[in-house]
Amino acid sequence: ALFGEELSGDGYFDENTHEEQLSFSIVLKSGRTLQQFRGHGGSVSAVAYLRSSGDSSDAVVSGAADGTVRVWDPRSAETVSTFSPPKALATLERRAVADKERAVVAMLQQPGSESKFFVVDKSPTAVLADLRTGVAVAAFSSRDEPAKPPSEAAHALRKPGCDFVAAALSRPRGDYLYCLGEDKVLYCFHVQSAALDRCCPIDDAKDVVGLAVHPHRNVVASFG
């Protein structure tokens, strides 16, 4: 799989899942592999590059089906830290840790922030966390009640507490987080308040694997 995240215009991320070796690489446009990162126990679903900030050096972050997000040193390809959404959520909400890790389905960088990401795993709750510190700062749940009453179609489909299967951020400012539930309902969260704003039904969402947002209009597309 080829990811759209460019590296200073000179390369891209490439995911490899040959046999038991699950990894991803930084590949230059010339075709030469610059670095390969190994360590996830499941297929890699998202990759991003963190630019240096203050005392922090550059880093690569990745999310995978093993339920973890890893922060890597781009030069040595060594794991710097590992982030677990269930553990971060347990610390944020002071509750017991989930009994198992769940596959990460989306990892979205918050606009204007170099280290804060929305991490969405296959669970009812997405988290906004600083991946350099491993601290979660907000949570977004399908159990929440929407501020705006849902339509009859959304109300009929909605199953509070259902798992999320895909996610996207509004553009360009990232004011809204869109999470698609297994119940075929799109959950629209207001990022600043972490409140569920509304729920919208998604037609033919059975095989959806991702969401995309128009860069200038309030339009969300699903694909699968």
C-alpha atoms as a PDB file:
ATOM      1  CA  ALA A   1       0.000   0.000   0.000  1.00  0.00           C
ATOM      2  CA  LEU A   2       1.238   3.472  -0.842  1.00  0.00           C
ATOM      3  CA  PHE A   3       0.545   6.191   1.688  1.00  0.00           C
ATOM      4  CA  GLY A   4      -0.062   9.797   0.684  1.00  0.00           C
ATOM      5  CA  GLU A   5       2.260  11.224   3.338  1.00  0.00           C
ATOM      6  CA  GLU A   6       5.259  12.748   1.547  1.00  0.00           C
ATOM      7  CA  LEU A   7       8.653  13.228   3.142  1.00  0.00           C
ATOM      8  CA  SER A   8       9.992  16.644   2.077  1.00  0.00           C
ATOM      9  CA  GLY A   9       8.912  15.797  -1.468  1.00  0.00           C
ATOM     10  CA  ASP A  10      11.592  13.100  -1.757  1.00  0.00           C
ATOM     11  CA  GLY A  11       9.860   9.912  -0.701  1.00  0.00           C
ATOM     12  CA  TYR A  12       6.867   8.052   0.675  1.00  0.00           C
ATOM     13  CA  PHE A  13       5.861   5.342   3.117  1.00  0.00           C
ATOM     14  CA  ASP A  14       5.404   1.807   1.815  1.00  0.00           C
ATOM     15  CA  GLU A  15       3.760  -1.023   3.772  1.00  0.00           C
ATOM     16  CA  ASN A  16       5.042  -4.592   3.471  1.00  0.00           C
ATOM     17  CA  THR A  17       3.206  -7.663   4.720  1.00  0.00           C
ATOM     18  CA  HIS A  18       5.220 -10.522   3.201  1.00  0.00           C
ATOM     19  CA  GLU A  19       4.823 -13.816   5.084  1.00  0.00           C
ATOM     20  CA  GLU A  20       5.302 -13.235   8.825  1.00  0.00           C
ATOM     21  CA  GLN A  21       7.295 -10.019   8.397  1.00  0.00           C
ATOM     22  CA  LEU A  22       4.950  -7.097   9.055  1.00  0.00           C
ATOM     23  CA  SER A  23       6.683  -3.783   8.499  1.00  0.00           C
ATOM     24  CA  PHE A  24       6.742  -0.523   6.600  1.00  0.00           C
ATOM     25  CA  SER A  25       9.469   1.421   4.824  1.00  0.00           C
ATOM     26  CA  ILE A  26      10.511   4.923   3.852  1.00  0.00           C
ATOM     27  CA  VAL A  27      11.095   4.748   0.116  1.00  0.00           C
ATOM     28  CA  LEU A  28      12.754   7.464  -1.961  1.00  0.00           C
ATOM     29  CA  LYS A  29      11.247   8.464  -5.303  1.00  0.00           C
ATOM     30  CA  SER A  30      14.271   6.867  -6.944  1.00  0.00           C
ATOM     31  CA  GLY A  31      13.004   3.524  -5.661  1.00  0.00           C
ATOM     32  CA  ARG A  32      15.733   3.091  -3.040  1.00  0.00           C
ATOM     33  CA  THR A  33      14.546   2.026   0.418  1.00  0.00           C
ATOM     34  CA  LEU A  34      15.880   4.494   2.965  1.00  0.00           C
ATOM     35  CA  GLN A  35      14.735   2.688   6.116  1.00  0.00           C
ATOM     36  CA  GLN A  36      12.563  -0.260   7.140  1.00  0.00           C
ATOM     37  CA  PHE A  37      10.675  -0.482  10.441  1.00  0.00           C
ATOM     38  CA  ARG A  38       9.882  -3.865  11.998  1.00  0.00           C
ATOM     39  CA  GLY A  39       8.129  -4.676  15.249  1.00  0.00           C
ATOM     40  CA  HIS A  40       4.347  -4.580  14.889  1.00  0.00           C
ATOM     41  CA  GLY A  41       2.509  -7.845  15.456  1.00  0.00           C
ATOM     42  CA  GLY A  42      -0.192  -7.039  12.903  1.00  0.00           C
ATOM     43  CA  SER A  43      -0.592  -5.300   9.558  1.00  0.00           C
ATOM     44  CA  VAL A  44       0.218  -1.578   9.563  1.00  0.00           C
ATOM     45  CA  SER A  45      -2.839   0.622   8.987  1.00  0.00           C
ATOM     46  CA  ALA A  46      -1.457   4.169   9.308  1.00  0.00           C
ATOM     47  CA  VAL A  47       1.885   5.960   9.225  1.00  0.00           C
ATOM     48  CA  ALA A  48       2.884   9.605   9.798  1.00  0.00           C
ATOM     49  CA  TYR A  49       6.050  11.673  10.243  1.00  0.00           C
ATOM     50  CA  LEU A  50       6.592  13.932  13.266  1.00  0.00           C
ATOM     51  CA  ARG A  51       8.791  16.953  12.636  1.00  0.00           C
ATOM     52  CA  SER A  52      11.238  18.035  15.323  1.00  0.00           C
ATOM     53  CA  SER A  53       9.970  20.557  17.860  1.00  0.00           C
ATOM     54  CA  GLY A  54      12.090  22.200  20.560  1.00  0.00           C
ATOM     55  CA  ASP A  55      14.041  19.479  22.331  1.00  0.00           C
ATOM     56  CA  SER A  56      12.213  16.705  20.438  1.00  0.00           C
ATOM     57  CA  SER A  57      13.794  15.116  17.377  1.00  0.00           C
ATOM     58  CA  ASP A  58      12.044  13.857  14.262  1.00  0.00           C
ATOM     59  CA  ALA A  59      10.024  10.669  14.680  1.00  0.00           C
ATOM     60  CA  VAL A  60       7.893   8.254  12.677  1.00  0.00           C
ATOM     61  CA  VAL A  61       4.611   6.977  14.152  1.00  0.00           C
ATOM     62  CA  SER A  62       2.587   3.969  13.030  1.00  0.00           C
ATOM     63  CA  GLY A  63      -0.649   2.242  14.025  1.00  0.00           C
ATOM     64  CA  ALA A  64      -1.416  -1.404  13.394  1.00  0.00           C
ATOM     65  CA  ALA A  65      -3.822  -4.295  13.766  1.00  0.00           C
ATOM     66  CA  ASP A  66      -1.971  -5.404  16.901  1.00  0.00           C
ATOM     67  CA  GLY A  67      -3.745  -2.554  18.715  1.00  0.00           C
ATOM     68  CA  THR A  68      -0.691  -0.369  19.297  1.00  0.00           C
ATOM     69  CA  VAL A  69       0.815   2.864  18.020  1.00  0.00           C
ATOM     70  CA  ARG A  70       4.599   2.905  17.888  1.00  0.00           C
ATOM     71  CA  VAL A  71       6.921   5.917  17.831  1.00  0.00           C
ATOM     72  CA  TRP A  72      10.155   5.228  15.933  1.00  0.00           C
ATOM     73  CA  ASP A  73      13.556   6.834  15.564  1.00  0.00           C
ATOM     74  CA  PRO A  74      13.739   7.434  11.780  1.00  0.00           C
ATOM     75  CA  ARG A  75      17.519   7.039  11.695  1.00  0.00           C
ATOM     76  CA  SER A  76      17.941   3.812  13.660  1.00  0.00           C
ATOM     77  CA  ALA A  77      14.437   2.354  12.994  1.00  0.00           C
ATOM     78  CA  GLU A  78      14.299   1.497  16.709  1.00  0.00           C
ATOM     79  CA  THR A  79      11.058   1.801  18.694  1.00  0.00           C
ATOM     80  CA  VAL A  80      11.189   4.835  20.984  1.00  0.00           C
ATOM     81  CA  SER A  81       7.849   4.246  22.708  1.00  0.00           C
ATOM     82  CA  THR A  82       4.608   2.293  22.336  1.00  0.00           C
ATOM     83  CA  PHE A  83       1.161   3.800  22.819  1.00  0.00           C
ATOM     84  CA  SER A  84      -1.884   1.715  23.768  1.00  0.00           C
ATOM     85  CA  PRO A  85      -5.303   3.394  23.287  1.00  0.00           C
ATOM     86  CA  PRO A  86      -7.035   1.250  25.977  1.00  0.00           C
ATOM     87  CA  LYS A  87      -4.359   2.045  28.579  1.00  0.00           C
ATOM     88  CA  ALA A  88      -4.390   5.767  27.738  1.00  0.00           C
ATOM     89  CA  LEU A  89      -8.181   5.804  27.949  1.00  0.00           C
ATOM     90  CA  ALA A  90      -8.098   3.996  31.295  1.00  0.00           C
ATOM     91  CA  THR A  91      -5.769   6.674  32.680  1.00  0.00           C
ATOM     92  CA  LEU A  92      -7.919   9.490  31.277  1.00  0.00           C
ATOM     93  CA  GLU A  93     -11.215   8.121  32.610  1.00  0.00           C
ATOM     94  CA  ARG A  94      -9.796   6.322  35.667  1.00  0.00           C
ATOM     95  CA  ARG A  95     -11.235   2.931  34.862  1.00  0.00           C
ATOM     96  CA  ALA A  96      -9.996  -0.609  34.312  1.00  0.00           C
ATOM     97  CA  VAL A  97      -7.898  -1.325  31.242  1.00  0.00           C
ATOM     98  CA  ALA A  98      -9.695  -3.137  28.407  1.00  0.00           C
ATOM     99  CA  ASP A  99      -9.128  -6.890  28.478  1.00  0.00           C
ATOM    100  CA  LYS A 100      -7.549  -6.947  25.004  1.00  0.00           C
ATOM    101  CA  GLU A 101      -5.919  -4.718  22.445  1.00  0.00           C
ATOM    102  CA  ARG A 102      -8.050  -3.729  19.459  1.00  0.00           C
ATOM    103  CA  ALA A 103      -6.877  -3.045  15.907  1.00  0.00           C
ATOM    104  CA  VAL A 104      -6.040   0.583  15.132  1.00  0.00           C
ATOM    105  CA  VAL A 105      -8.216   1.631  12.156  1.00  0.00           C
ATOM    106  CA  ALA A 106      -7.162   5.292  11.847  1.00  0.00           C
ATOM    107  CA  MET A 107      -4.497   7.666  13.137  1.00  0.00           C
ATOM    108  CA  LEU A 108      -5.139  11.324  12.298  1.00  0.00           C
ATOM    109  CA  GLN A 109      -2.811  14.215  13.093  1.00  0.00           C
ATOM    110  CA  GLN A 110      -4.534  17.216  14.666  1.00  0.00           C
ATOM    111  CA  PRO A 111      -4.047  20.295  12.446  1.00  0.00           C
ATOM    112  CA  GLY A 112      -1.747  22.824  14.071  1.00  0.00           C
ATOM    113  CA  SER A 113      -0.187  20.239  16.385  1.00  0.00           C
ATOM    114  CA  GLU A 114       3.037  18.358  15.736  1.00  0.00           C
ATOM    115  CA  SER A 115       2.474  15.507  18.177  1.00  0.00           C
ATOM    116  CA  LYS A 116      -1.254  15.212  18.937  1.00  0.00           C
ATOM    117  CA  PHE A 117      -3.132  12.505  17.055  1.00  0.00           C
ATOM    118  CA  PHE A 118      -6.648  11.114  17.043  1.00  0.00           C
ATOM    119  CA  VAL A 119      -6.201   7.375  17.501  1.00  0.00           C
ATOM    120  CA  VAL A 120      -9.236   5.333  16.517  1.00  0.00           C
ATOM    121  CA  ASP A 121      -9.219   1.615  17.242  1.00  0.00           C
ATOM    122  CA  LYS A 122     -11.943  -0.970  16.764  1.00  0.00           C
ATOM    123  CA  SER A 123     -13.750  -0.004  19.954  1.00  0.00           C
ATOM    124  CA  PRO A 124     -16.546   2.413  20.944  1.00  0.00           C
ATOM    125  CA  THR A 125     -14.074   5.159  21.905  1.00  0.00           C
ATOM    126  CA  ALA A 126     -11.500   7.227  20.002  1.00  0.00           C
ATOM    127  CA  VAL A 127      -8.845   9.208  21.857  1.00  0.00           C
ATOM    128  CA  LEU A 128      -6.888  12.398  21.202  1.00  0.00           C
ATOM    129  CA  ALA A 129      -3.397  11.870  22.560  1.00  0.00           C
ATOM    130  CA  ASP A 130       0.064  13.379  22.541  1.00  0.00           C
ATOM    131  CA  LEU A 131       2.097  10.546  21.051  1.00  0.00           C
ATOM    132  CA  ARG A 132       5.389  11.969  22.299  1.00  0.00           C
ATOM    133  CA  THR A 133       4.231  11.743  25.932  1.00  0.00           C
ATOM    134  CA  GLY A 134       1.650   8.952  25.608  1.00  0.00           C
ATOM    135  CA  VAL A 135      -0.960  11.051  27.415  1.00  0.00           C
ATOM    136  CA  ALA A 136      -4.607  11.069  26.257  1.00  0.00           C
ATOM    137  CA  VAL A 137      -6.294  14.479  26.491  1.00  0.00           C
ATOM    138  CA  ALA A 138      -9.813  13.754  25.194  1.00  0.00           C
ATOM    139  CA  ALA A 139     -12.157  10.870  24.379  1.00  0.00           C
ATOM    140  CA  PHE A 140     -14.971  10.498  21.832  1.00  0.00           C
ATOM    141  CA  SER A 141     -17.509   7.698  22.318  1.00  0.00           C
ATOM    142  CA  SER A 142     -20.362   6.138  20.370  1.00  0.00           C
ATOM    143  CA  ARG A 143     -22.130   5.827  23.734  1.00  0.00           C
ATOM    144  CA  ASP A 144     -22.577   9.630  23.943  1.00  0.00           C
ATOM    145  CA  GLU A 145     -25.929  11.235  23.213  1.00  0.00           C
ATOM    146  CA  PRO A 146     -25.911  13.633  20.242  1.00  0.00           C
ATOM    147  CA  ALA A 147     -26.618  17.324  20.829  1.00  0.00           C
ATOM    148  CA  LYS A 148     -28.888  17.377  17.771  1.00  0.00           C
ATOM    149  CA  PRO A 149     -31.720  14.798  17.624  1.00  0.00           C
ATOM    150  CA  PRO A 150     -30.912  12.135  15.004  1.00  0.00           C
ATOM    151  CA  SER A 151     -33.127  11.552  11.994  1.00  0.00           C
ATOM    152  CA  GLU A 152     -35.524   8.598  12.031  1.00  0.00           C
ATOM    153  CA  ALA A 153     -33.144   6.646   9.800  1.00  0.00           C
ATOM    154  CA  ALA A 154     -30.146   7.287  12.085  1.00  0.00           C
ATOM    155  CA  HIS A 155     -32.202   6.535  15.191  1.00  0.00           C
ATOM    156  CA  ALA A 156     -33.350   3.212  13.735  1.00  0.00           C
ATOM    157  CA  LEU A 157     -29.792   2.148  12.862  1.00  0.00           C
ATOM    158  CA  ARG A 158     -27.908   3.511  15.855  1.00  0.00           C
ATOM    159  CA  LYS A 159     -26.512   1.108  18.447  1.00  0.00           C
ATOM    160  CA  PRO A 160     -24.847   3.100  21.255  1.00  0.00           C
ATOM    161  CA  GLY A 161     -21.570   1.495  22.239  1.00  0.00           C
ATOM    162  CA  CYS A 162     -20.847   0.025  18.797  1.00  0.00           C
ATOM    163  CA  ASP A 163     -17.249  -0.171  17.588  1.00  0.00           C
ATOM    164  CA  PHE A 164     -15.748   2.359  15.168  1.00  0.00           C
ATOM    165  CA  VAL A 165     -14.413   1.012  11.861  1.00  0.00           C
ATOM    166  CA  ALA A 166     -13.166   4.160  10.079  1.00  0.00           C
ATOM    167  CA  ALA A 167     -12.518   7.851  10.783  1.00  0.00           C
ATOM    168  CA  ALA A 168     -11.598  11.195   9.203  1.00  0.00           C
ATOM    169  CA  LEU A 169     -11.122  14.840  10.200  1.00  0.00           C
ATOM    170  CA  SER A 170     -12.865  17.876   8.744  1.00  0.00           C
ATOM    171  CA  ARG A 171     -10.591  20.049   6.631  1.00  0.00           C
ATOM    172  CA  PRO A 172      -8.685  22.279   6.777  1.00  0.00           C
ATOM    173  CA  ARG A 173      -8.956  23.119  10.508  1.00  0.00           C
ATOM    174  CA  GLY A 174      -9.993  19.761  11.945  1.00  0.00           C
ATOM    175  CA  ASP A 175     -12.941  21.129  13.921  1.00  0.00           C
ATOM    176  CA  TYR A 176     -14.884  17.867  13.586  1.00  0.00           C
ATOM    177  CA  LEU A 177     -13.943  14.217  13.994  1.00  0.00           C
ATOM    178  CA  TYR A 178     -16.047  11.813  11.903  1.00  0.00           C
ATOM    179  CA  CYS A 179     -16.167   8.187  13.079  1.00  0.00           C
ATOM    180  CA  LEU A 180     -18.099   5.479  11.247  1.00  0.00           C
ATOM    181  CA  GLY A 181     -19.658   2.856  13.501  1.00  0.00           C
ATOM    182  CA  GLU A 182     -20.393  -0.785  12.767  1.00  0.00           C
ATOM    183  CA  ASP A 183     -24.053   0.236  13.000  1.00  0.00           C
ATOM    184  CA  LYS A 184     -23.684   2.150   9.668  1.00  0.00           C
ATOM    185  CA  VAL A 185     -23.997   5.495  11.443  1.00  0.00           C
ATOM    186  CA  LEU A 186     -21.559   8.388  11.063  1.00  0.00           C
ATOM    187  CA  TYR A 187     -20.761   9.947  14.459  1.00  0.00           C
ATOM    188  CA  CYS A 188     -19.810  13.641  14.150  1.00  0.00           C
ATOM    189  CA  PHE A 189     -17.853  14.941  17.153  1.00  0.00           C
ATOM    190  CA  HIS A 190     -16.982  18.560  17.878  1.00  0.00           C
ATOM    191  CA  VAL A 191     -13.262  18.382  18.647  1.00  0.00           C
ATOM    192  CA  GLN A 192     -12.962  21.371  20.978  1.00  0.00           C
ATOM    193  CA  SER A 193     -15.712  20.174  23.323  1.00  0.00           C
ATOM    194  CA  ALA A 194     -15.287  16.416  22.651  1.00  0.00           C
ATOM    195  CA  ALA A 195     -19.100  16.295  22.408  1.00  0.00           C
ATOM    196  CA  LEU A 196     -21.132  14.266  19.926  1.00  0.00           C
ATOM    197  CA  ASP A 197     -22.800  16.854  17.697  1.00  0.00           C
ATOM    198  CA  ARG A 198     -24.950  14.643  15.473  1.00  0.00           C
ATOM    199  CA  CYS A 199     -25.425  11.180  13.958  1.00  0.00           C
ATOM    200  CA  CYS A 200     -26.017  10.545  10.257  1.00  0.00           C
ATOM    201  CA  PRO A 201     -26.947   7.277   8.517  1.00  0.00           C
ATOM    202  CA  ILE A 202     -24.517   6.024   5.858  1.00  0.00           C
ATOM    203  CA  ASP A 203     -26.093   4.107   2.987  1.00  0.00           C
ATOM    204  CA  ASP A 204     -24.498   0.815   1.953  1.00  0.00           C
ATOM    205  CA  ALA A 205     -21.800   1.005   4.665  1.00  0.00           C
ATOM    206  CA  LYS A 206     -21.340  -2.771   4.984  1.00  0.00           C
ATOM    207  CA  ASP A 207     -17.887  -2.948   3.413  1.00  0.00           C
ATOM    208  CA  VAL A 208     -16.591   0.552   4.169  1.00  0.00           C
ATOM    209  CA  VAL A 209     -12.880   0.624   5.078  1.00  0.00           C
ATOM    210  CA  GLY A 210     -12.269   4.379   5.127  1.00  0.00           C
ATOM    211  CA  LEU A 211     -13.611   7.919   5.031  1.00  0.00           C
ATOM    212  CA  ALA A 212     -12.430  10.964   3.075  1.00  0.00           C
ATOM    213  CA  VAL A 213     -13.378  14.616   3.558  1.00  0.00           C
ATOM    214  CA  HIS A 214     -13.634  17.301   0.863  1.00  0.00           C
ATOM    215  CA  PRO A 215     -10.917  19.968   1.424  1.00  0.00           C
ATOM    216  CA  HIS A 216     -13.293  22.929   1.049  1.00  0.00           C
ATOM    217  CA  ARG A 217     -16.848  21.665   1.514  1.00  0.00           C
ATOM    218  CA  ASN A 218     -18.711  19.870   4.284  1.00  0.00           C
ATOM    219  CA  VAL A 219     -18.805  16.590   2.339  1.00  0.00           C
ATOM    220  CA  VAL A 220     -17.727  13.197   3.689  1.00  0.00           C
ATOM    221  CA  ALA A 221     -17.177  10.246   1.336  1.00  0.00           C
ATOM    222  CA  SER A 222     -16.957   6.603   2.333  1.00  0.00           C
ATOM    223  CA  PHE A 223     -15.045   3.972   0.379  1.00  0.00           C
ATOM    224  CA  GLY A 224     -14.499   0.249   0.517  1.00  0.00           C
END
